[in-house]
Structures are given as C-alpha cells and as structure tokens.
Amino acid sequence: MLKRWVSQKHGGVLDMRPDKPLRSESASEAERLQRELLRVTTKRDFLKKALGYFAKDS
C-alpha cells in the first residue's frame, strides 16, 4: 500500500498537502452512514426477535 501511495504521489494523483484531509468528506460521510445503518439494523433485528419471544408467551 505504501508503494502505491508513493507512486501516486510521484504521478501527481495523490495530493498530500497539510491542509487537505486524507479522506474526502463524502468518504467520511459514507462510512458514518454505514456504521449508523449497521447499528439500526442490529437494533431492529433484536426487537424482532424480542417481539417473537414475547408473542409466544401470550
């Protein structure tokens, strides 16, 4: 991976200025949304299982 970064830097593809973030805003937002989706999906699945468990007792 380091070799690829060096080749991108020398080729002018990679911008490594100090004021520029390593990740773009859209990539950070996409990662945040994926984590949120995983959290919400996990909660939903848990609640579905709990509903099924308590529905059997009635």
PDB file of N, CA and C in Angstrom:
ATOM      1  N   MET A   1       0.824  -1.169   0.000  1.00  0.00           N
ATOM      2  CA  MET A   1       0.000   0.000   0.000  1.00  0.00           C
ATOM      3  C   MET A   1       0.882   1.251   0.000  1.00  0.00           C
ATOM      4  N   LEU A   2       1.927   1.220   0.782  1.00  0.00           N
ATOM      5  CA  LEU A   2       2.839   2.361   0.827  1.00  0.00           C
ATOM      6  C   LEU A   2       3.469   2.603  -0.543  1.00  0.00           C
ATOM      7  N   LYS A   3       3.820   1.526  -1.222  1.00  0.00           N
ATOM      8  CA  LYS A   3       4.409   1.657  -2.563  1.00  0.00           C
ATOM      9  C   LYS A   3       3.416   2.325  -3.512  1.00  0.00           C
ATOM     10  N   ARG A   4       2.136   1.967  -3.389  1.00  0.00           N
ATOM     11  CA  ARG A   4       1.113   2.566  -4.252  1.00  0.00           C
ATOM     12  C   ARG A   4       0.968   4.056  -3.953  1.00  0.00           C
ATOM     13  N   TRP A   5       0.992   4.435  -2.663  1.00  0.00           N
ATOM     14  CA  TRP A   5       0.896   5.845  -2.295  1.00  0.00           C
ATOM     15  C   TRP A   5       2.071   6.642  -2.847  1.00  0.00           C
ATOM     16  N   VAL A   6       3.264   6.068  -2.762  1.00  0.00           N
ATOM     17  CA  VAL A   6       4.449   6.755  -3.276  1.00  0.00           C
ATOM     18  C   VAL A   6       4.335   6.940  -4.782  1.00  0.00           C
ATOM     19  N   SER A   7       3.889   5.907  -5.481  1.00  0.00           N
ATOM     20  CA  SER A   7       3.759   6.033  -6.936  1.00  0.00           C
ATOM     21  C   SER A   7       2.667   7.037  -7.308  1.00  0.00           C
ATOM     22  N   GLN A   8       1.587   7.099  -6.523  1.00  0.00           N
ATOM     23  CA  GLN A   8       0.542   8.085  -6.791  1.00  0.00           C
ATOM     24  C   GLN A   8       1.046   9.496  -6.527  1.00  0.00           C
ATOM     25  N   LYS A   9       1.852   9.655  -5.480  1.00  0.00           N
ATOM     26  CA  LYS A   9       2.407  10.973  -5.156  1.00  0.00           C
ATOM     27  C   LYS A   9       3.320  11.454  -6.272  1.00  0.00           C
ATOM     28  N   HIS A  10       4.168  10.571  -6.763  1.00  0.00           N
ATOM     29  CA  HIS A  10       5.099  10.950  -7.837  1.00  0.00           C
ATOM     30  C   HIS A  10       4.372  11.149  -9.159  1.00  0.00           C
ATOM     31  N   GLY A  11       3.263  10.461  -9.335  1.00  0.00           N
ATOM     32  CA  GLY A  11       2.490  10.616 -10.564  1.00  0.00           C
ATOM     33  C   GLY A  11       1.560  11.814 -10.533  1.00  0.00           C
ATOM     34  N   GLY A  12       1.452  12.464  -9.384  1.00  0.00           N
ATOM     35  CA  GLY A  12       0.590  13.635  -9.277  1.00  0.00           C
ATOM     36  C   GLY A  12      -0.856  13.311  -8.976  1.00  0.00           C
ATOM     37  N   VAL A  13      -1.163  12.048  -8.694  1.00  0.00           N
ATOM     38  CA  VAL A  13      -2.544  11.653  -8.431  1.00  0.00           C
ATOM     39  C   VAL A  13      -2.919  11.921  -6.972  1.00  0.00           C
ATOM     40  N   LEU A  14      -1.977  11.745  -6.078  1.00  0.00           N
ATOM     41  CA  LEU A  14      -2.234  11.881  -4.652  1.00  0.00           C
ATOM     42  C   LEU A  14      -1.820  13.274  -4.183  1.00  0.00           C
ATOM     43  N   ASP A  15      -2.738  13.963  -3.528  1.00  0.00           N
ATOM     44  CA  ASP A  15      -2.475  15.312  -3.029  1.00  0.00           C
ATOM     45  C   ASP A  15      -2.219  15.218  -1.525  1.00  0.00           C
ATOM     46  N   MET A  16      -0.994  15.500  -1.094  1.00  0.00           N
ATOM     47  CA  MET A  16      -0.633  15.321   0.305  1.00  0.00           C
ATOM     48  C   MET A  16      -0.302  16.653   0.981  1.00  0.00           C
ATOM     49  N   ARG A  17      -1.028  17.701   0.654  1.00  0.00           N
ATOM     50  CA  ARG A  17      -0.828  18.977   1.328  1.00  0.00           C
ATOM     51  C   ARG A  17      -1.336  18.882   2.767  1.00  0.00           C
ATOM     52  N   PRO A  18      -0.699  19.610   3.696  1.00  0.00           N
ATOM     53  CA  PRO A  18      -1.116  19.531   5.101  1.00  0.00           C
ATOM     54  C   PRO A  18      -2.539  20.011   5.353  1.00  0.00           C
ATOM     55  N   ASP A  19      -3.032  20.954   4.561  1.00  0.00           N
ATOM     56  CA  ASP A  19      -4.382  21.478   4.787  1.00  0.00           C
ATOM     57  C   ASP A  19      -5.464  20.612   4.161  1.00  0.00           C
ATOM     58  N   LYS A  20      -5.085  19.588   3.409  1.00  0.00           N
ATOM     59  CA  LYS A  20      -6.048  18.724   2.757  1.00  0.00           C
ATOM     60  C   LYS A  20      -6.239  17.456   3.586  1.00  0.00           C
ATOM     61  N   PRO A  21      -7.492  17.081   3.914  1.00  0.00           N
ATOM     62  CA  PRO A  21      -7.707  15.863   4.705  1.00  0.00           C
ATOM     63  C   PRO A  21      -7.322  14.618   3.906  1.00  0.00           C
ATOM     64  N   LEU A  22      -6.958  13.573   4.621  1.00  0.00           N
ATOM     65  CA  LEU A  22      -6.579  12.327   3.950  1.00  0.00           C
ATOM     66  C   LEU A  22      -7.781  11.666   3.286  1.00  0.00           C
ATOM     67  N   ARG A  23      -8.946  11.883   3.848  1.00  0.00           N
ATOM     68  CA  ARG A  23     -10.160  11.298   3.280  1.00  0.00           C
ATOM     69  C   ARG A  23     -11.087  12.414   2.847  1.00  0.00           C
ATOM     70  N   SER A  24     -11.821  12.170   1.803  1.00  0.00           N
ATOM     71  CA  SER A  24     -12.754  13.189   1.343  1.00  0.00           C
ATOM     72  C   SER A  24     -13.968  13.231   2.272  1.00  0.00           C
ATOM     73  N   GLU A  25     -14.686  14.317   2.224  1.00  0.00           N
ATOM     74  CA  GLU A  25     -15.881  14.469   3.053  1.00  0.00           C
ATOM     75  C   GLU A  25     -16.913  13.405   2.716  1.00  0.00           C
ATOM     76  N   SER A  26     -17.063  13.110   1.430  1.00  0.00           N
ATOM     77  CA  SER A  26     -18.073  12.123   1.032  1.00  0.00           C
ATOM     78  C   SER A  26     -17.702  10.723   1.509  1.00  0.00           C
ATOM     79  N   ALA A  27     -16.418  10.387   1.520  1.00  0.00           N
ATOM     80  CA  ALA A  27     -15.997   9.072   2.011  1.00  0.00           C
ATOM     81  C   ALA A  27     -16.234   8.966   3.513  1.00  0.00           C
ATOM     82  N   SER A  28     -15.964  10.031   4.247  1.00  0.00           N
ATOM     83  CA  SER A  28     -16.212  10.033   5.687  1.00  0.00           C
ATOM     84  C   SER A  28     -17.699   9.913   5.981  1.00  0.00           C
ATOM     85  N   GLU A  29     -18.505  10.636   5.228  1.00  0.00           N
ATOM     86  CA  GLU A  29     -19.958  10.585   5.416  1.00  0.00           C
ATOM     87  C   GLU A  29     -20.498   9.201   5.076  1.00  0.00           C
ATOM     88  N   ALA A  30     -19.997   8.589   4.018  1.00  0.00           N
ATOM     89  CA  ALA A  30     -20.444   7.241   3.641  1.00  0.00           C
ATOM     90  C   ALA A  30     -20.101   6.233   4.734  1.00  0.00           C
ATOM     91  N   GLU A  31     -18.924   6.343   5.306  1.00  0.00           N
ATOM     92  CA  GLU A  31     -18.538   5.429   6.382  1.00  0.00           C
ATOM     93  C   GLU A  31     -19.416   5.639   7.612  1.00  0.00           C
ATOM     94  N   ARG A  32     -19.709   6.890   7.936  1.00  0.00           N
ATOM     95  CA  ARG A  32     -20.577   7.184   9.082  1.00  0.00           C
ATOM     96  C   ARG A  32     -21.971   6.606   8.858  1.00  0.00           C
ATOM     97  N   LEU A  33     -22.483   6.755   7.643  1.00  0.00           N
ATOM     98  CA  LEU A  33     -23.813   6.228   7.333  1.00  0.00           C
ATOM     99  C   LEU A  33     -23.845   4.705   7.370  1.00  0.00           C
ATOM    100  N   GLN A  34     -22.770   4.055   6.947  1.00  0.00           N
ATOM    101  CA  GLN A  34     -22.711   2.595   7.010  1.00  0.00           C
ATOM    102  C   GLN A  34     -22.721   2.119   8.460  1.00  0.00           C
ATOM    103  N   ARG A  35     -21.974   2.810   9.330  1.00  0.00           N
ATOM    104  CA  ARG A  35     -21.978   2.444  10.753  1.00  0.00           C
ATOM    105  C   ARG A  35     -23.364   2.638  11.360  1.00  0.00           C
ATOM    106  N   GLU A  36     -24.025   3.738  11.009  1.00  0.00           N
ATOM    107  CA  GLU A  36     -25.366   4.015  11.512  1.00  0.00           C
ATOM    108  C   GLU A  36     -26.357   2.963  11.024  1.00  0.00           C
ATOM    109  N   LEU A  37     -26.257   2.583   9.758  1.00  0.00           N
ATOM    110  CA  LEU A  37     -27.136   1.558   9.205  1.00  0.00           C
ATOM    111  C   LEU A  37     -26.948   0.230   9.923  1.00  0.00           C
ATOM    112  N   LEU A  38     -25.712  -0.140  10.188  1.00  0.00           N
ATOM    113  CA  LEU A  38     -25.432  -1.378  10.910  1.00  0.00           C
ATOM    114  C   LEU A  38     -26.030  -1.339  12.310  1.00  0.00           C
ATOM    115  N   ARG A  39     -25.892  -0.202  12.995  1.00  0.00           N
ATOM    116  CA  ARG A  39     -26.429  -0.058  14.348  1.00  0.00           C
ATOM    117  C   ARG A  39     -27.955  -0.173  14.344  1.00  0.00           C
ATOM    118  N   VAL A  40     -28.598   0.509  13.419  1.00  0.00           N
ATOM    119  CA  VAL A  40     -30.061   0.496  13.352  1.00  0.00           C
ATOM    120  C   VAL A  40     -30.568  -0.889  12.948  1.00  0.00           C
ATOM    121  N   THR A  41     -29.900  -1.535  12.022  1.00  0.00           N
ATOM    122  CA  THR A  41     -30.297  -2.873  11.592  1.00  0.00           C
ATOM    123  C   THR A  41     -30.169  -3.869  12.738  1.00  0.00           C
ATOM    124  N   THR A  42     -29.105  -3.763  13.522  1.00  0.00           N
ATOM    125  CA  THR A  42     -28.911  -4.645  14.663  1.00  0.00           C
ATOM    126  C   THR A  42     -30.027  -4.448  15.686  1.00  0.00           C
ATOM    127  N   LYS A  43     -30.370  -3.200  15.963  1.00  0.00           N
ATOM    128  CA  LYS A  43     -31.460  -2.919  16.899  1.00  0.00           C
ATOM    129  C   LYS A  43     -32.777  -3.483  16.388  1.00  0.00           C
ATOM    130  N   ARG A  44     -33.044  -3.288  15.102  1.00  0.00           N
ATOM    131  CA  ARG A  44     -34.284  -3.794  14.518  1.00  0.00           C
ATOM    132  C   ARG A  44     -34.382  -5.298  14.632  1.00  0.00           C
ATOM    133  N   ASP A  45     -33.283  -5.999  14.321  1.00  0.00           N
ATOM    134  CA  ASP A  45     -33.289  -7.455  14.398  1.00  0.00           C
ATOM    135  C   ASP A  45     -33.511  -7.932  15.830  1.00  0.00           C
ATOM    136  N   PHE A  46     -32.897  -7.243  16.789  1.00  0.00           N
ATOM    137  CA  PHE A  46     -33.082  -7.599  18.185  1.00  0.00           C
ATOM    138  C   PHE A  46     -34.544  -7.426  18.594  1.00  0.00           C
ATOM    139  N   LEU A  47     -35.136  -6.309  18.196  1.00  0.00           N
ATOM    140  CA  LEU A  47     -36.532  -6.060  18.555  1.00  0.00           C
ATOM    141  C   LEU A  47     -37.476  -7.065  17.895  1.00  0.00           C
ATOM    142  N   LYS A  48     -37.174  -7.489  16.682  1.00  0.00           N
ATOM    143  CA  LYS A  48     -37.988  -8.515  16.021  1.00  0.00           C
ATOM    144  C   LYS A  48     -37.938  -9.819  16.795  1.00  0.00           C
ATOM    145  N   LYS A  49     -36.744 -10.192  17.233  1.00  0.00           N
ATOM    146  CA  LYS A  49     -36.594 -11.434  18.000  1.00  0.00           C
ATOM    147  C   LYS A  49     -37.311 -11.334  19.344  1.00  0.00           C
ATOM    148  N   ALA A  50     -37.200 -10.180  19.990  1.00  0.00           N
ATOM    149  CA  ALA A  50     -37.871  -9.986  21.273  1.00  0.00           C
ATOM    150  C   ALA A  50     -39.383 -10.038  21.097  1.00  0.00           C
ATOM    151  N   LEU A  51     -39.898  -9.451  20.054  1.00  0.00           N
ATOM    152  CA  LEU A  51     -41.330  -9.478  19.783  1.00  0.00           C
ATOM    153  C   LEU A  51     -41.800 -10.914  19.567  1.00  0.00           C
ATOM    154  N   GLY A  52     -41.036 -11.679  18.807  1.00  0.00           N
ATOM    155  CA  GLY A  52     -41.394 -13.080  18.584  1.00  0.00           C
ATOM    156  C   GLY A  52     -41.371 -13.887  19.870  1.00  0.00           C
ATOM    157  N   TYR A  53     -40.420 -13.614  20.740  1.00  0.00           N
ATOM    158  CA  TYR A  53     -40.313 -14.326  22.012  1.00  0.00           C
ATOM    159  C   TYR A  53     -41.496 -14.015  22.908  1.00  0.00           C
ATOM    160  N   PHE A  54     -41.850 -12.739  23.035  1.00  0.00           N
ATOM    161  CA  PHE A  54     -42.945 -12.369  23.912  1.00  0.00           C
ATOM    162  C   PHE A  54     -44.307 -12.704  23.306  1.00  0.00           C
ATOM    163  N   ALA A  55     -44.409 -12.798  22.005  1.00  0.00           N
ATOM    164  CA  ALA A  55     -45.676 -13.164  21.371  1.00  0.00           C
ATOM    165  C   ALA A  55     -45.998 -14.630  21.621  1.00  0.00           C
ATOM    166  N   LYS A  56     -44.970 -15.465  21.785  1.00  0.00           N
ATOM    167  CA  LYS A  56     -45.191 -16.888  22.068  1.00  0.00           C
ATOM    168  C   LYS A  56     -45.756 -17.104  23.470  1.00  0.00           C
ATOM    169  N   ASP A  57     -45.393 -16.246  24.425  1.00  0.00           N
ATOM    170  CA  ASP A  57     -45.852 -16.402  25.803  1.00  0.00           C
ATOM    171  C   ASP A  57     -47.327 -16.092  25.974  1.00  0.00           C
ATOM    172  N   SER A  58     -47.906 -15.251  25.128  1.00  0.00           N
ATOM    173  CA  SER A  58     -49.302 -14.841  25.282  1.00  0.00           C
ATOM    174  C   SER A  58     -50.267 -15.935  24.935  1.00  0.00           C
TER     175      SER A  58
END
